[in-house]
Every structure is written in C-alpha cells, then in structure tokens.
Amino acid sequence: MGWGRMLFLGDLGQQLDIGDLEREVARLRESHEEAWRSASRVADLTSEVRRLSQELDEAKLYIATLIRLMVSKGVCTQEDISAVLRLVDKLDGVADGKLTSPTRQSLGRV
C-alpha cells in the first residue's frame, strides 16, 4: 500500500490500495460494532445489578419490619428468631450465614 504501488503499478496500484483500505475500514467497522455491543451489554448488566440491589434493599427493609413487629406484638422474642435463624442457616449443610440450596422438605420442618 502507498506510493510504491502507485509509482510502479499506476491505476492497478491505486486499485490495490483502495481494496486494502476498504478491507481495513470493514475490519474497523466490525471491531467498533463489537465494542459497541459489549458496551451495551455492560450497561444492561449494570442496570440489572442496580435494580436487583434496590429489590434486595427493599426486601431487607420488609424483613426487618416484620421481625420488629412480631417482637413488639409478643408473637416471638428476638431469641426465638435468632434460634430459628441458626437452624435455617444449617439447612443447606453449612452454617455460613446464607441459605444456598434449600429443599422444600427442609424448609417446611423449621
């Protein structure tokens, strides 16, 4: 590509240069479109994480409200809730502060 082709090959050199440039433009266009799709996917995932985070915050608020209401109404004590929490935490076989794979039978027998 460049002056050498044009000097030695004339029109043919220019045509070869044009073909090279068209291929490079097509490659860059494809690369740009791929990058745009990736950026779009990242934006979609960021939005989904933000939405799920808001839902989680709302769920935590409802749970805390229900626990306080149950304790204030005398339905149960904080100790009762802590004991059941420890029991439910062990349902997946690991006492780690999360429930990763509960079964319906294990949840029904709390």
Protein backbone atom coordinates (compact mmCIF):
# COMPACT_ATOMS: atom_id res chain seq x y z
CA MET A 1 0.00 0.00 0.00
CA GLY A 2 1.26 3.51 -0.67
CA TRP A 3 3.45 5.44 -3.14
CA GLY A 4 5.45 2.44 -4.25
CA ARG A 5 2.42 0.69 -5.71
CA MET A 6 1.19 3.84 -7.36
CA LEU A 7 4.58 4.62 -8.98
CA PHE A 8 5.24 1.09 -10.21
CA LEU A 9 1.71 -0.12 -10.94
CA GLY A 10 -0.23 3.08 -11.70
CA ASP A 11 -4.01 2.54 -11.71
CA LEU A 12 -3.62 -1.07 -10.63
CA GLY A 13 -1.59 0.07 -7.60
CA GLN A 14 -4.30 2.55 -6.68
CA GLN A 15 -6.97 -0.12 -7.02
CA LEU A 16 -4.96 -2.43 -4.77
CA ASP A 17 -4.59 0.40 -2.24
CA ILE A 18 -8.33 1.08 -2.38
CA GLY A 19 -9.07 -2.61 -1.84
CA ASP A 20 -6.71 -2.70 1.16
CA LEU A 21 -8.34 0.41 2.62
CA GLU A 22 -11.85 -0.97 2.11
CA ARG A 23 -10.88 -4.17 3.94
CA GLU A 24 -9.35 -2.15 6.77
CA VAL A 25 -12.48 0.03 7.04
CA ALA A 26 -14.66 -3.10 7.15
CA ARG A 27 -12.43 -4.60 9.87
CA LEU A 28 -12.54 -1.41 11.92
CA ARG A 29 -16.32 -1.11 11.47
CA GLU A 30 -16.79 -4.70 12.68
CA SER A 31 -14.47 -4.10 15.63
CA HIS A 32 -16.34 -0.91 16.51
CA GLU A 33 -19.72 -2.66 16.32
CA GLU A 34 -18.43 -5.47 18.53
CA ALA A 35 -17.14 -2.95 21.08
CA TRP A 36 -20.48 -1.11 20.99
CA ARG A 37 -22.39 -4.38 21.60
CA SER A 38 -20.07 -5.16 24.52
CA ALA A 39 -20.56 -1.68 25.99
CA SER A 40 -24.31 -2.03 25.56
CA ARG A 41 -24.23 -5.40 27.36
CA VAL A 42 -22.22 -3.89 30.22
CA ALA A 43 -24.78 -1.08 30.52
CA ASP A 44 -27.62 -3.64 30.58
CA LEU A 45 -25.87 -5.67 33.27
CA THR A 46 -25.13 -2.55 35.31
CA SER A 47 -28.79 -1.58 35.15
CA GLU A 48 -29.84 -5.10 36.20
CA VAL A 49 -27.41 -5.08 39.15
CA ARG A 50 -28.77 -1.69 40.22
CA ARG A 51 -32.37 -2.99 40.02
CA LEU A 52 -31.56 -6.16 41.95
CA SER A 53 -29.73 -4.14 44.59
CA GLN A 54 -32.81 -1.94 45.05
CA GLU A 55 -35.02 -5.04 45.36
CA LEU A 56 -32.65 -6.53 47.93
CA ASP A 57 -32.67 -3.33 49.97
CA GLU A 58 -36.48 -3.32 49.89
CA ALA A 59 -36.65 -6.99 50.93
CA LYS A 60 -34.28 -6.34 53.85
CA LEU A 61 -36.48 -3.44 54.95
CA TYR A 62 -39.62 -5.61 54.88
CA ILE A 63 -37.90 -8.43 56.79
CA ALA A 64 -36.59 -6.06 59.47
CA THR A 65 -40.06 -4.50 59.75
CA LEU A 66 -41.75 -7.89 60.15
CA ILE A 67 -39.26 -9.02 62.80
CA ARG A 68 -39.70 -5.83 64.82
CA LEU A 69 -43.48 -6.06 64.51
CA MET A 70 -43.52 -9.71 65.62
CA VAL A 71 -41.29 -8.96 68.62
CA SER A 72 -43.27 -5.83 69.59
CA LYS A 73 -46.59 -7.74 69.40
CA GLY A 74 -45.18 -10.54 71.55
CA VAL A 75 -45.53 -13.15 68.81
CA CYS A 76 -41.95 -14.22 69.48
CA THR A 77 -38.78 -12.96 71.10
CA GLN A 78 -35.54 -11.88 69.48
CA GLU A 79 -34.01 -15.05 70.93
CA ASP A 80 -36.68 -17.17 69.18
CA ILE A 81 -35.84 -15.51 65.89
CA SER A 82 -32.10 -16.00 66.43
CA ALA A 83 -32.58 -19.69 67.26
CA VAL A 84 -34.70 -20.33 64.16
CA LEU A 85 -32.25 -18.32 62.06
CA ARG A 86 -29.37 -20.57 63.19
CA LEU A 87 -31.50 -23.65 62.43
CA VAL A 88 -32.45 -22.44 58.94
CA ASP A 89 -28.84 -21.44 58.26
CA LYS A 90 -27.82 -25.09 58.74
CA LEU A 91 -30.47 -26.46 56.32
CA ASP A 92 -28.06 -26.42 53.39
CA GLY A 93 -25.47 -28.28 55.43
CA VAL A 94 -23.26 -25.28 56.24
CA ALA A 95 -23.72 -22.69 58.99
CA ASP A 96 -22.35 -19.76 56.98
CA GLY A 97 -24.96 -17.01 57.23
CA LYS A 98 -26.67 -17.89 53.95
CA LEU A 99 -29.05 -20.49 52.56
CA THR A 100 -27.74 -21.69 49.23
CA SER A 101 -29.83 -24.72 48.28
CA PRO A 102 -32.85 -25.38 50.47
CA THR A 103 -35.20 -28.24 49.78
CA ARG A 104 -38.94 -27.93 50.25
CA GLN A 105 -38.94 -30.63 52.94
CA SER A 106 -36.18 -28.95 54.94
CA LEU A 107 -37.87 -25.54 54.83
CA GLY A 108 -41.19 -27.00 55.92
CA ARG A 109 -39.72 -28.59 59.07
CA VAL A 110 -38.35 -25.49 60.78
